[in-house]
């Protein structure tokens, strides 16, 4: 043994989801907000992070961001599709990406 640590390849451990609102989504977003917040409270154990995305000027919500504690895209889709915001149909696009939290306060430094 040379004493050199064996590195394992980085592999995604979570799923990040970016949802972009469609045009004129503010009324639908507002109408579904309370039900959405109640739903989020029921899946807190499945969320590493979640919150709204804002316009460049910070004045209005233009999307949503989630990081689900799963490596399964299918499982993340299921949780998102149960969200009242998804059911309200105002997101114009949803992008699911395998994700590896690797550095920053979120992971307490770095993973290497």
C-alpha atoms as a PDB file:
ATOM      1  CA  UNK A   1       0.000   0.000   0.000  1.00  0.00           C
ATOM      2  CA  UNK A   2       1.379   3.364  -0.966  1.00  0.00           C
ATOM      3  CA  UNK A   3      -0.625   5.322   1.589  1.00  0.00           C
ATOM      4  CA  UNK A   4      -2.444   7.227  -1.148  1.00  0.00           C
ATOM      5  CA  UNK A   5      -6.204   7.447  -0.605  1.00  0.00           C
ATOM      6  CA  UNK A   6      -8.293   5.731  -3.237  1.00  0.00           C
ATOM      7  CA  UNK A   7     -10.748   8.173  -4.760  1.00  0.00           C
ATOM      8  CA  UNK A   8     -14.140   7.004  -5.827  1.00  0.00           C
ATOM      9  CA  UNK A   9     -15.750   8.705  -8.802  1.00  0.00           C
ATOM     10  CA  UNK A  10     -18.110  11.535  -8.057  1.00  0.00           C
ATOM     11  CA  UNK A  11     -21.681  10.373  -8.492  1.00  0.00           C
ATOM     12  CA  UNK A  12     -24.942  12.298  -8.133  1.00  0.00           C
ATOM     13  CA  UNK A  13     -26.774  11.642  -4.889  1.00  0.00           C
ATOM     14  CA  UNK A  14     -29.732  13.982  -5.287  1.00  0.00           C
ATOM     15  CA  UNK A  15     -31.994  15.440  -7.961  1.00  0.00           C
ATOM     16  CA  UNK A  16     -32.141  19.177  -8.658  1.00  0.00           C
ATOM     17  CA  UNK A  17     -35.281  20.484 -10.334  1.00  0.00           C
ATOM     18  CA  UNK A  18     -35.633  23.906 -11.952  1.00  0.00           C
ATOM     19  CA  UNK A  19     -39.160  24.990 -12.849  1.00  0.00           C
ATOM     20  CA  UNK A  20     -39.685  28.105 -14.984  1.00  0.00           C
ATOM     21  CA  UNK A  21     -43.053  29.847 -14.856  1.00  0.00           C
ATOM     22  CA  UNK A  22     -44.981  30.518 -18.019  1.00  0.00           C
ATOM     23  CA  UNK A  23     -46.265  33.958 -18.962  1.00  0.00           C
ATOM     24  CA  UNK A  24     -48.940  35.455 -16.733  1.00  0.00           C
ATOM     25  CA  UNK A  25     -48.379  32.821 -14.047  1.00  0.00           C
ATOM     26  CA  UNK A  26     -48.662  35.119 -11.030  1.00  0.00           C
ATOM     27  CA  UNK A  27     -52.406  34.662 -10.439  1.00  0.00           C
ATOM     28  CA  UNK A  28     -52.211  30.848 -10.680  1.00  0.00           C
ATOM     29  CA  UNK A  29     -49.115  30.806  -8.443  1.00  0.00           C
ATOM     30  CA  UNK A  30     -50.885  32.947  -5.838  1.00  0.00           C
ATOM     31  CA  UNK A  31     -54.048  30.821  -5.957  1.00  0.00           C
ATOM     32  CA  UNK A  32     -52.112  27.594  -5.325  1.00  0.00           C
ATOM     33  CA  UNK A  33     -49.622  29.017  -2.790  1.00  0.00           C
ATOM     34  CA  UNK A  34     -51.216  27.940   0.495  1.00  0.00           C
ATOM     35  CA  UNK A  35     -51.922  24.406  -0.722  1.00  0.00           C
ATOM     36  CA  UNK A  36     -48.358  24.231  -2.108  1.00  0.00           C
ATOM     37  CA  UNK A  37     -46.859  25.305   1.237  1.00  0.00           C
ATOM     38  CA  UNK A  38     -48.948  22.703   3.092  1.00  0.00           C
ATOM     39  CA  UNK A  39     -47.716  20.043   0.643  1.00  0.00           C
ATOM     40  CA  UNK A  40     -44.071  21.091   1.076  1.00  0.00           C
ATOM     41  CA  UNK A  41     -44.466  20.637   4.836  1.00  0.00           C
ATOM     42  CA  UNK A  42     -45.470  17.000   4.235  1.00  0.00           C
ATOM     43  CA  UNK A  43     -42.313  16.225   2.228  1.00  0.00           C
ATOM     44  CA  UNK A  44     -39.684  18.077   4.269  1.00  0.00           C
ATOM     45  CA  UNK A  45     -37.871  14.795   4.908  1.00  0.00           C
ATOM     46  CA  UNK A  46     -37.466  14.376   1.124  1.00  0.00           C
ATOM     47  CA  UNK A  47     -36.167  17.905   0.480  1.00  0.00           C
ATOM     48  CA  UNK A  48     -32.595  19.042   0.853  1.00  0.00           C
ATOM     49  CA  UNK A  49     -33.573  22.512  -0.340  1.00  0.00           C
ATOM     50  CA  UNK A  50     -36.494  24.255  -2.003  1.00  0.00           C
ATOM     51  CA  UNK A  51     -37.600  27.781  -2.758  1.00  0.00           C
ATOM     52  CA  UNK A  52     -38.801  30.305  -5.304  1.00  0.00           C
ATOM     53  CA  UNK A  53     -36.758  31.792  -8.131  1.00  0.00           C
ATOM     54  CA  UNK A  54     -37.121  35.525  -8.720  1.00  0.00           C
ATOM     55  CA  UNK A  55     -36.900  37.914 -11.643  1.00  0.00           C
ATOM     56  CA  UNK A  56     -33.585  39.739 -12.074  1.00  0.00           C
ATOM     57  CA  UNK A  57     -34.932  42.749 -10.180  1.00  0.00           C
ATOM     58  CA  UNK A  58     -36.135  40.519  -7.319  1.00  0.00           C
ATOM     59  CA  UNK A  59     -39.679  41.820  -7.646  1.00  0.00           C
ATOM     60  CA  UNK A  60     -41.634  38.732  -8.722  1.00  0.00           C
ATOM     61  CA  UNK A  61     -41.437  34.961  -8.563  1.00  0.00           C
ATOM     62  CA  UNK A  62     -40.566  33.399 -11.909  1.00  0.00           C
ATOM     63  CA  UNK A  63     -39.986  29.779 -10.985  1.00  0.00           C
ATOM     64  CA  UNK A  64     -39.207  27.207  -8.337  1.00  0.00           C
ATOM     65  CA  UNK A  65     -36.086  25.291  -7.354  1.00  0.00           C
ATOM     66  CA  UNK A  66     -35.988  21.952  -5.538  1.00  0.00           C
ATOM     67  CA  UNK A  67     -33.241  19.585  -4.473  1.00  0.00           C
ATOM     68  CA  UNK A  68     -34.750  16.213  -3.619  1.00  0.00           C
ATOM     69  CA  UNK A  69     -32.933  13.734  -1.379  1.00  0.00           C
ATOM     70  CA  UNK A  70     -32.957  10.901  -3.894  1.00  0.00           C
ATOM     71  CA  UNK A  71     -30.805   9.747  -6.760  1.00  0.00           C
ATOM     72  CA  UNK A  72     -33.908   8.623  -8.644  1.00  0.00           C
ATOM     73  CA  UNK A  73     -35.307  10.919 -11.329  1.00  0.00           C
ATOM     74  CA  UNK A  74     -38.535   8.912 -11.261  1.00  0.00           C
ATOM     75  CA  UNK A  75     -38.986   9.384  -7.524  1.00  0.00           C
ATOM     76  CA  UNK A  76     -38.267  13.129  -7.789  1.00  0.00           C
ATOM     77  CA  UNK A  77     -40.811  13.429 -10.619  1.00  0.00           C
ATOM     78  CA  UNK A  78     -43.423  11.711  -8.483  1.00  0.00           C
ATOM     79  CA  UNK A  79     -42.896  14.097  -5.584  1.00  0.00           C
ATOM     80  CA  UNK A  80     -42.945  17.146  -7.853  1.00  0.00           C
ATOM     81  CA  UNK A  81     -46.033  16.002  -9.747  1.00  0.00           C
ATOM     82  CA  UNK A  82     -47.911  15.705  -6.440  1.00  0.00           C
ATOM     83  CA  UNK A  83     -47.169  19.383  -5.719  1.00  0.00           C
ATOM     84  CA  UNK A  84     -50.178  21.719  -6.119  1.00  0.00           C
ATOM     85  CA  UNK A  85     -47.959  24.066  -8.140  1.00  0.00           C
ATOM     86  CA  UNK A  86     -47.401  21.299 -10.689  1.00  0.00           C
ATOM     87  CA  UNK A  87     -51.128  20.537 -10.720  1.00  0.00           C
ATOM     88  CA  UNK A  88     -51.900  24.250 -11.289  1.00  0.00           C
ATOM     89  CA  UNK A  89     -50.047  23.936 -14.609  1.00  0.00           C
ATOM     90  CA  UNK A  90     -48.308  27.319 -14.687  1.00  0.00           C
ATOM     91  CA  UNK A  91     -44.733  26.068 -15.149  1.00  0.00           C
ATOM     92  CA  UNK A  92     -43.692  26.363 -18.802  1.00  0.00           C
ATOM     93  CA  UNK A  93     -40.675  24.101 -18.351  1.00  0.00           C
ATOM     94  CA  UNK A  94     -39.308  21.690 -15.767  1.00  0.00           C
ATOM     95  CA  UNK A  95     -35.717  20.464 -15.868  1.00  0.00           C
ATOM     96  CA  UNK A  96     -34.688  17.458 -13.752  1.00  0.00           C
ATOM     97  CA  UNK A  97     -30.944  16.929 -13.256  1.00  0.00           C
ATOM     98  CA  UNK A  98     -28.981  14.407 -11.222  1.00  0.00           C
ATOM     99  CA  UNK A  99     -27.025  16.496  -8.728  1.00  0.00           C
ATOM    100  CA  UNK A 100     -24.061  16.086  -6.404  1.00  0.00           C
ATOM    101  CA  UNK A 101     -23.727  18.690  -3.632  1.00  0.00           C
ATOM    102  CA  UNK A 102     -19.933  18.993  -3.594  1.00  0.00           C
ATOM    103  CA  UNK A 103     -18.867  22.262  -1.953  1.00  0.00           C
ATOM    104  CA  UNK A 104     -20.164  25.146   0.146  1.00  0.00           C
ATOM    105  CA  UNK A 105     -22.089  25.765   3.342  1.00  0.00           C
ATOM    106  CA  UNK A 106     -24.810  23.392   2.158  1.00  0.00           C
ATOM    107  CA  UNK A 107     -22.405  20.429   2.525  1.00  0.00           C
ATOM    108  CA  UNK A 108     -20.309  21.838   5.361  1.00  0.00           C
ATOM    109  CA  UNK A 109     -17.239  22.576   3.234  1.00  0.00           C
ATOM    110  CA  UNK A 110     -16.278  20.091   0.523  1.00  0.00           C
ATOM    111  CA  UNK A 111     -16.832  16.413  -0.108  1.00  0.00           C
ATOM    112  CA  UNK A 112     -13.232  15.784  -1.153  1.00  0.00           C
END
